[in-house]
Amino acid sequence: MSAPKIANYSTTVSSHKSVAEIQQILAQHGARRIMFENDATGDPISIAFAIPGPPGFQVKRPPIAARCKTRTRILTKENR
C-alpha cells in the first residue's frame, strides 16, 4: 500500500515569511499572545495563540505540530 500524497505541498515561500504572515493575520483578528516553537535548526514547528474571551484569554493551539512527523514521513517516501 502506498503512502498518501500531500496535495500542493511544494512552495518557494520561506517558512519565516509564512510565520510573519500568520502572525499578522492572527493580530488582525484579535490575538494578543502569539508563540511559535522552532526546532533545533530554527524552523517553526508549532504555534499557540491567545484571544480575548470570557473570562480573560482563551489559549488556542492548533494540532499543527502533531502532523509534522507524518508529513515528513510521507514526503520522504514520495522522494525515494
PDB file of N, CA and C in Angstrom:
ATOM      1  N   MET A   1       0.847  -1.182   0.000  1.00  0.00           N
ATOM      2  CA  MET A   1       0.000   0.000   0.000  1.00  0.00           C
ATOM      3  C   MET A   1       0.891   1.244   0.000  1.00  0.00           C
ATOM      4  N   SER A   2       0.645   2.168  -0.908  1.00  0.00           N
ATOM      5  CA  SER A   2       1.487   3.354  -0.995  1.00  0.00           C
ATOM      6  C   SER A   2       1.024   4.419  -0.005  1.00  0.00           C
ATOM      7  N   ALA A   3       1.961   5.271   0.361  1.00  0.00           N
ATOM      8  CA  ALA A   3       1.658   6.352   1.303  1.00  0.00           C
ATOM      9  C   ALA A   3       0.766   7.385   0.628  1.00  0.00           C
ATOM     10  N   PRO A   4      -0.121   8.037   1.385  1.00  0.00           N
ATOM     11  CA  PRO A   4      -0.966   9.067   0.789  1.00  0.00           C
ATOM     12  C   PRO A   4      -0.123  10.253   0.338  1.00  0.00           C
ATOM     13  N   LYS A   5      -0.536  10.901  -0.716  1.00  0.00           N
ATOM     14  CA  LYS A   5       0.169  12.078  -1.212  1.00  0.00           C
ATOM     15  C   LYS A   5      -0.406  13.325  -0.547  1.00  0.00           C
ATOM     16  N   ILE A   6       0.446  14.304  -0.335  1.00  0.00           N
ATOM     17  CA  ILE A   6       0.011  15.588   0.191  1.00  0.00           C
ATOM     18  C   ILE A   6      -0.138  16.526  -1.000  1.00  0.00           C
ATOM     19  N   ALA A   7      -1.338  16.974  -1.235  1.00  0.00           N
ATOM     20  CA  ALA A   7      -1.606  17.829  -2.386  1.00  0.00           C
ATOM     21  C   ALA A   7      -1.001  19.216  -2.189  1.00  0.00           C
ATOM     22  N   ASN A   8      -0.387  19.713  -3.225  1.00  0.00           N
ATOM     23  CA  ASN A   8       0.120  21.099  -3.257  1.00  0.00           C
ATOM     24  C   ASN A   8       1.070  21.430  -2.109  1.00  0.00           C
ATOM     25  N   TYR A   9       2.002  20.556  -1.796  1.00  0.00           N
ATOM     26  CA  TYR A   9       2.902  20.820  -0.674  1.00  0.00           C
ATOM     27  C   TYR A   9       4.137  21.600  -1.059  1.00  0.00           C
ATOM     28  N   SER A  10       4.397  21.773  -2.324  1.00  0.00           N
ATOM     29  CA  SER A  10       5.583  22.467  -2.788  1.00  0.00           C
ATOM     30  C   SER A  10       5.378  23.980  -2.689  1.00  0.00           C
ATOM     31  N   THR A  11       6.424  24.688  -2.284  1.00  0.00           N
ATOM     32  CA  THR A  11       6.338  26.138  -2.177  1.00  0.00           C
ATOM     33  C   THR A  11       7.721  26.760  -2.307  1.00  0.00           C
ATOM     34  N   THR A  12       7.748  28.003  -2.726  1.00  0.00           N
ATOM     35  CA  THR A  12       9.003  28.750  -2.776  1.00  0.00           C
ATOM     36  C   THR A  12       9.040  29.786  -1.657  1.00  0.00           C
ATOM     37  N   VAL A  13       7.974  29.856  -0.870  1.00  0.00           N
ATOM     38  CA  VAL A  13       7.883  30.804   0.240  1.00  0.00           C
ATOM     39  C   VAL A  13       8.615  30.231   1.447  1.00  0.00           C
ATOM     40  N   SER A  14       9.482  31.031   2.060  1.00  0.00           N
ATOM     41  CA  SER A  14      10.212  30.547   3.236  1.00  0.00           C
ATOM     42  C   SER A  14       9.262  30.390   4.415  1.00  0.00           C
ATOM     43  N   SER A  15       9.622  29.472   5.308  1.00  0.00           N
ATOM     44  CA  SER A  15       8.787  29.253   6.491  1.00  0.00           C
ATOM     45  C   SER A  15       8.719  30.509   7.350  1.00  0.00           C
ATOM     46  N   HIS A  16       9.792  31.292   7.361  1.00  0.00           N
ATOM     47  CA  HIS A  16       9.814  32.503   8.186  1.00  0.00           C
ATOM     48  C   HIS A  16       8.889  33.588   7.624  1.00  0.00           C
ATOM     49  N   LYS A  17       8.758  33.646   6.301  1.00  0.00           N
ATOM     50  CA  LYS A  17       7.800  34.578   5.695  1.00  0.00           C
ATOM     51  C   LYS A  17       6.377  34.133   6.036  1.00  0.00           C
ATOM     52  N   SER A  18       6.123  32.839   5.995  1.00  0.00           N
ATOM     53  CA  SER A  18       4.805  32.316   6.356  1.00  0.00           C
ATOM     54  C   SER A  18       4.474  32.638   7.806  1.00  0.00           C
ATOM     55  N   VAL A  19       5.458  32.493   8.704  1.00  0.00           N
ATOM     56  CA  VAL A  19       5.254  32.815  10.119  1.00  0.00           C
ATOM     57  C   VAL A  19       4.850  34.272  10.272  1.00  0.00           C
ATOM     58  N   ALA A  20       5.529  35.173   9.569  1.00  0.00           N
ATOM     59  CA  ALA A  20       5.206  36.603   9.654  1.00  0.00           C
ATOM     60  C   ALA A  20       3.789  36.872   9.165  1.00  0.00           C
ATOM     61  N   GLU A  21       3.391  36.208   8.077  1.00  0.00           N
ATOM     62  CA  GLU A  21       2.043  36.389   7.554  1.00  0.00           C
ATOM     63  C   GLU A  21       0.991  35.854   8.519  1.00  0.00           C
ATOM     64  N   ILE A  22       1.251  34.694   9.113  1.00  0.00           N
ATOM     65  CA  ILE A  22       0.325  34.111  10.089  1.00  0.00           C
ATOM     66  C   ILE A  22       0.190  35.019  11.297  1.00  0.00           C
ATOM     67  N   GLN A  23       1.312  35.543  11.778  1.00  0.00           N
ATOM     68  CA  GLN A  23       1.298  36.435  12.943  1.00  0.00           C
ATOM     69  C   GLN A  23       0.473  37.684  12.642  1.00  0.00           C
ATOM     70  N   GLN A  24       0.632  38.251  11.468  1.00  0.00           N
ATOM     71  CA  GLN A  24      -0.124  39.437  11.086  1.00  0.00           C
ATOM     72  C   GLN A  24      -1.629  39.141  11.034  1.00  0.00           C
ATOM     73  N   ILE A  25      -2.007  38.029  10.444  1.00  0.00           N
ATOM     74  CA  ILE A  25      -3.424  37.665  10.344  1.00  0.00           C
ATOM     75  C   ILE A  25      -4.024  37.439  11.725  1.00  0.00           C
ATOM     76  N   LEU A  26      -3.297  36.731  12.593  1.00  0.00           N
ATOM     77  CA  LEU A  26      -3.808  36.498  13.951  1.00  0.00           C
ATOM     78  C   LEU A  26      -3.994  37.809  14.700  1.00  0.00           C
ATOM     79  N   ALA A  27      -3.027  38.720  14.584  1.00  0.00           N
ATOM     80  CA  ALA A  27      -3.133  40.016  15.262  1.00  0.00           C
ATOM     81  C   ALA A  27      -4.319  40.816  14.727  1.00  0.00           C
ATOM     82  N   GLN A  28      -4.543  40.771  13.425  1.00  0.00           N
ATOM     83  CA  GLN A  28      -5.675  41.484  12.834  1.00  0.00           C
ATOM     84  C   GLN A  28      -7.013  40.936  13.327  1.00  0.00           C
ATOM     85  N   HIS A  29      -7.007  39.671  13.752  1.00  0.00           N
ATOM     86  CA  HIS A  29      -8.245  39.048  14.224  1.00  0.00           C
ATOM     87  C   HIS A  29      -8.328  38.964  15.744  1.00  0.00           C
ATOM     88  N   GLY A  30      -7.498  39.745  16.427  1.00  0.00           N
ATOM     89  CA  GLY A  30      -7.646  39.886  17.866  1.00  0.00           C
ATOM     90  C   GLY A  30      -6.721  39.077  18.748  1.00  0.00           C
ATOM     91  N   ALA A  31      -5.806  38.314  18.174  1.00  0.00           N
ATOM     92  CA  ALA A  31      -4.877  37.552  19.016  1.00  0.00           C
ATOM     93  C   ALA A  31      -3.974  38.520  19.770  1.00  0.00           C
ATOM     94  N   ARG A  32      -3.784  38.267  21.046  1.00  0.00           N
ATOM     95  CA  ARG A  32      -2.951  39.131  21.883  1.00  0.00           C
ATOM     96  C   ARG A  32      -1.624  38.477  22.252  1.00  0.00           C
ATOM     97  N   ARG A  33      -1.598  37.171  22.271  1.00  0.00           N
ATOM     98  CA  ARG A  33      -0.370  36.430  22.597  1.00  0.00           C
ATOM     99  C   ARG A  33      -0.160  35.395  21.500  1.00  0.00           C
ATOM    100  N   ILE A  34       0.999  35.449  20.876  1.00  0.00           N
ATOM    101  CA  ILE A  34       1.302  34.519  19.793  1.00  0.00           C
ATOM    102  C   ILE A  34       2.683  33.928  20.051  1.00  0.00           C
ATOM    103  N   MET A  35       2.773  32.588  20.037  1.00  0.00           N
ATOM    104  CA  MET A  35       4.056  31.933  20.283  1.00  0.00           C
ATOM    105  C   MET A  35       4.304  30.886  19.208  1.00  0.00           C
ATOM    106  N   PHE A  36       5.493  30.937  18.630  1.00  0.00           N
ATOM    107  CA  PHE A  36       5.924  29.931  17.673  1.00  0.00           C
ATOM    108  C   PHE A  36       7.052  29.140  18.303  1.00  0.00           C
ATOM    109  N   GLU A  37       7.026  27.826  18.133  1.00  0.00           N
ATOM    110  CA  GLU A  37       8.108  26.969  18.616  1.00  0.00           C
ATOM    111  C   GLU A  37       8.950  26.562  17.419  1.00  0.00           C
ATOM    112  N   ASN A  38      10.270  26.648  17.567  1.00  0.00           N
ATOM    113  CA  ASN A  38      11.192  26.275  16.496  1.00  0.00           C
ATOM    114  C   ASN A  38      11.915  24.983  16.840  1.00  0.00           C
ATOM    115  N   ASP A  39      12.329  24.257  15.791  1.00  0.00           N
ATOM    116  CA  ASP A  39      13.136  23.055  16.013  1.00  0.00           C
ATOM    117  C   ASP A  39      14.599  23.457  16.197  1.00  0.00           C
ATOM    118  N   ALA A  40      15.471  22.473  16.296  1.00  0.00           N
ATOM    119  CA  ALA A  40      16.896  22.739  16.554  1.00  0.00           C
ATOM    120  C   ALA A  40      17.562  23.538  15.433  1.00  0.00           C
ATOM    121  N   THR A  41      17.010  23.495  14.240  1.00  0.00           N
ATOM    122  CA  THR A  41      17.599  24.236  13.116  1.00  0.00           C
ATOM    123  C   THR A  41      16.993  25.625  12.952  1.00  0.00           C
ATOM    124  N   GLY A  42      16.025  25.976  13.805  1.00  0.00           N
ATOM    125  CA  GLY A  42      15.412  27.297  13.741  1.00  0.00           C
ATOM    126  C   GLY A  42      14.167  27.373  12.885  1.00  0.00           C
ATOM    127  N   ASP A  43      13.712  26.234  12.377  1.00  0.00           N
ATOM    128  CA  ASP A  43      12.494  26.217  11.573  1.00  0.00           C
ATOM    129  C   ASP A  43      11.264  26.086  12.471  1.00  0.00           C
ATOM    130  N   PRO A  44      10.193  26.837  12.176  1.00  0.00           N
ATOM    131  CA  PRO A  44       8.983  26.760  13.007  1.00  0.00           C
ATOM    132  C   PRO A  44       8.311  25.394  12.887  1.00  0.00           C
ATOM    133  N   ILE A  45       7.879  24.862  14.041  1.00  0.00           N
ATOM    134  CA  ILE A  45       7.221  23.554  14.046  1.00  0.00           C
ATOM    135  C   ILE A  45       5.848  23.574  14.720  1.00  0.00           C
ATOM    136  N   SER A  46       5.556  24.617  15.504  1.00  0.00           N
ATOM    137  CA  SER A  46       4.228  24.691  16.119  1.00  0.00           C
ATOM    138  C   SER A  46       3.891  26.132  16.467  1.00  0.00           C
ATOM    139  N   ILE A  47       2.622  26.353  16.732  1.00  0.00           N
ATOM    140  CA  ILE A  47       2.127  27.691  17.062  1.00  0.00           C
ATOM    141  C   ILE A  47       1.087  27.575  18.175  1.00  0.00           C
ATOM    142  N   ALA A  48       1.050  28.582  19.018  1.00  0.00           N
ATOM    143  CA  ALA A  48      -0.009  28.720  20.023  1.00  0.00           C
ATOM    144  C   ALA A  48      -0.361  30.201  20.074  1.00  0.00           C
ATOM    145  N   PHE A  49      -1.623  30.494  20.327  1.00  0.00           N
ATOM    146  CA  PHE A  49      -2.008  31.893  20.440  1.00  0.00           C
ATOM    147  C   PHE A  49      -3.177  32.028  21.399  1.00  0.00           C
ATOM    148  N   ALA A  50      -3.354  33.244  21.923  1.00  0.00           N
ATOM    149  CA  ALA A  50      -4.448  33.524  22.860  1.00  0.00           C
ATOM    150  C   ALA A  50      -5.288  34.664  22.306  1.00  0.00           C
ATOM    151  N   ILE A  51      -6.579  34.513  22.441  1.00  0.00           N
ATOM    152  CA  ILE A  51      -7.513  35.553  22.027  1.00  0.00           C
ATOM    153  C   ILE A  51      -8.379  35.926  23.220  1.00  0.00           C
ATOM    154  N   PRO A  52      -8.798  37.198  23.292  1.00  0.00           N
ATOM    155  CA  PRO A  52      -9.662  37.595  24.397  1.00  0.00           C
ATOM    156  C   PRO A  52     -10.978  36.827  24.351  1.00  0.00           C
ATOM    157  N   GLY A  53     -11.430  36.417  25.508  1.00  0.00           N
ATOM    158  CA  GLY A  53     -12.699  35.706  25.599  1.00  0.00           C
ATOM    159  C   GLY A  53     -13.118  35.609  27.043  1.00  0.00           C
ATOM    160  N   PRO A  54     -14.354  35.291  27.286  1.00  0.00           N
ATOM    161  CA  PRO A  54     -14.822  35.225  28.668  1.00  0.00           C
ATOM    162  C   PRO A  54     -14.336  33.972  29.363  1.00  0.00           C
ATOM    163  N   PRO A  55     -13.869  34.001  30.550  1.00  0.00           N
ATOM    164  CA  PRO A  55     -13.272  35.167  31.203  1.00  0.00           C
ATOM    165  C   PRO A  55     -11.784  35.235  30.875  1.00  0.00           C
ATOM    166  N   GLY A  56     -11.262  36.360  30.569  1.00  0.00           N
ATOM    167  CA  GLY A  56      -9.839  36.523  30.265  1.00  0.00           C
ATOM    168  C   GLY A  56      -9.486  36.056  28.867  1.00  0.00           C
ATOM    169  N   PHE A  57      -8.416  35.270  28.789  1.00  0.00           N
ATOM    170  CA  PHE A  57      -7.917  34.815  27.491  1.00  0.00           C
ATOM    171  C   PHE A  57      -8.193  33.335  27.288  1.00  0.00           C
ATOM    172  N   GLN A  58      -8.423  32.962  26.046  1.00  0.00           N
ATOM    173  CA  GLN A  58      -8.552  31.559  25.677  1.00  0.00           C
ATOM    174  C   GLN A  58      -7.332  31.206  24.831  1.00  0.00           C
ATOM    175  N   VAL A  59      -6.575  30.234  25.282  1.00  0.00           N
ATOM    176  CA  VAL A  59      -5.379  29.811  24.552  1.00  0.00           C
ATOM    177  C   VAL A  59      -5.773  28.766  23.524  1.00  0.00           C
ATOM    178  N   LYS A  60      -5.311  28.953  22.308  1.00  0.00           N
ATOM    179  CA  LYS A  60      -5.599  28.035  21.206  1.00  0.00           C
ATOM    180  C   LYS A  60      -4.274  27.455  20.716  1.00  0.00           C
ATOM    181  N   ARG A  61      -4.236  26.164  20.535  1.00  0.00           N
ATOM    182  CA  ARG A  61      -3.057  25.522  19.986  1.00  0.00           C
ATOM    183  C   ARG A  61      -3.513  24.512  18.935  1.00  0.00           C
ATOM    184  N   PRO A  62      -3.540  24.944  17.680  1.00  0.00           N
ATOM    185  CA  PRO A  62      -3.957  24.018  16.617  1.00  0.00           C
ATOM    186  C   PRO A  62      -3.030  22.809  16.562  1.00  0.00           C
ATOM    187  N   PRO A  63      -3.524  21.663  16.132  1.00  0.00           N
ATOM    188  CA  PRO A  63      -2.706  20.440  16.124  1.00  0.00           C
ATOM    189  C   PRO A  63      -1.728  20.376  14.953  1.00  0.00           C
ATOM    190  N   ILE A  64      -0.998  21.462  14.716  1.00  0.00           N
ATOM    191  CA  ILE A  64      -0.042  21.518  13.607  1.00  0.00           C
ATOM    192  C   ILE A  64       1.168  20.630  13.892  1.00  0.00           C
ATOM    193  N   ALA A  65       1.717  20.735  15.089  1.00  0.00           N
ATOM    194  CA  ALA A  65       2.954  20.011  15.417  1.00  0.00           C
ATOM    195  C   ALA A  65       2.771  18.500  15.325  1.00  0.00           C
ATOM    196  N   ALA A  66       1.620  18.010  15.708  1.00  0.00           N
ATOM    197  CA  ALA A  66       1.393  16.570  15.725  1.00  0.00           C
ATOM    198  C   ALA A  66       1.474  15.945  14.341  1.00  0.00           C
ATOM    199  N   ARG A  67       1.247  16.722  13.306  1.00  0.00           N
ATOM    200  CA  ARG A  67       1.228  16.181  11.956  1.00  0.00           C
ATOM    201  C   ARG A  67       2.554  16.358  11.224  1.00  0.00           C
ATOM    202  N   CYS A  68       3.506  17.086  11.788  1.00  0.00           N
ATOM    203  CA  CYS A  68       4.779  17.332  11.102  1.00  0.00           C
ATOM    204  C   CYS A  68       5.532  16.042  10.809  1.00  0.00           C
ATOM    205  N   LYS A  69       5.601  15.135  11.766  1.00  0.00           N
ATOM    206  CA  LYS A  69       6.332  13.889  11.559  1.00  0.00           C
ATOM    207  C   LYS A  69       5.664  13.039  10.485  1.00  0.00           C
ATOM    208  N   THR A  70       4.334  13.037  10.457  1.00  0.00           N
ATOM    209  CA  THR A  70       3.614  12.284   9.430  1.00  0.00           C
ATOM    210  C   THR A  70       3.898  12.864   8.057  1.00  0.00           C
ATOM    211  N   ARG A  71       3.858  14.173   7.941  1.00  0.00           N
ATOM    212  CA  ARG A  71       4.137  14.822   6.656  1.00  0.00           C
ATOM    213  C   ARG A  71       5.558  14.531   6.196  1.00  0.00           C
ATOM    214  N   THR A  72       6.513  14.593   7.116  1.00  0.00           N
ATOM    215  CA  THR A  72       7.903  14.306   6.759  1.00  0.00           C
ATOM    216  C   THR A  72       8.043  12.877   6.259  1.00  0.00           C
ATOM    217  N   ARG A  73       7.390  11.935   6.919  1.00  0.00           N
ATOM    218  CA  ARG A  73       7.453  10.530   6.513  1.00  0.00           C
ATOM    219  C   ARG A  73       6.874  10.349   5.110  1.00  0.00           C
ATOM    220  N   ILE A  74       5.737  10.984   4.840  1.00  0.00           N
ATOM    221  CA  ILE A  74       5.105  10.877   3.528  1.00  0.00           C
ATOM    222  C   ILE A  74       5.985  11.489   2.444  1.00  0.00           C
ATOM    223  N   LEU A  75       6.521  12.667   2.715  1.00  0.00           N
ATOM    224  CA  LEU A  75       7.361  13.340   1.727  1.00  0.00           C
ATOM    225  C   LEU A  75       8.630  12.550   1.456  1.00  0.00           C
ATOM    226  N   THR A  76       9.192  11.945   2.479  1.00  0.00           N
ATOM    227  CA  THR A  76      10.396  11.129   2.322  1.00  0.00           C
ATOM    228  C   THR A  76      10.104   9.941   1.418  1.00  0.00           C
ATOM    229  N   LYS A  77       8.979   9.278   1.634  1.00  0.00           N
ATOM    230  CA  LYS A  77       8.600   8.126   0.806  1.00  0.00           C
ATOM    231  C   LYS A  77       8.355   8.545  -0.642  1.00  0.00           C
ATOM    232  N   GLU A  78       7.748   9.726  -0.848  1.00  0.00           N
ATOM    233  CA  GLU A  78       7.461  10.194  -2.198  1.00  0.00           C
ATOM    234  C   GLU A  78       8.738  10.499  -2.986  1.00  0.00           C
ATOM    235  N   ASN A  79       9.770  10.922  -2.287  1.00  0.00           N
ATOM    236  CA  ASN A  79      11.005  11.350  -2.966  1.00  0.00           C
ATOM    237  C   ASN A  79      12.057  10.273  -3.077  1.00  0.00           C
ATOM    238  N   ARG A  80      11.726   9.032  -2.770  1.00  0.00           N
ATOM    239  CA  ARG A  80      12.693   7.932  -2.877  1.00  0.00           C
ATOM    240  C   ARG A  80      12.917   7.551  -4.308  1.00  0.00           C
TER     241      ARG A  80
END
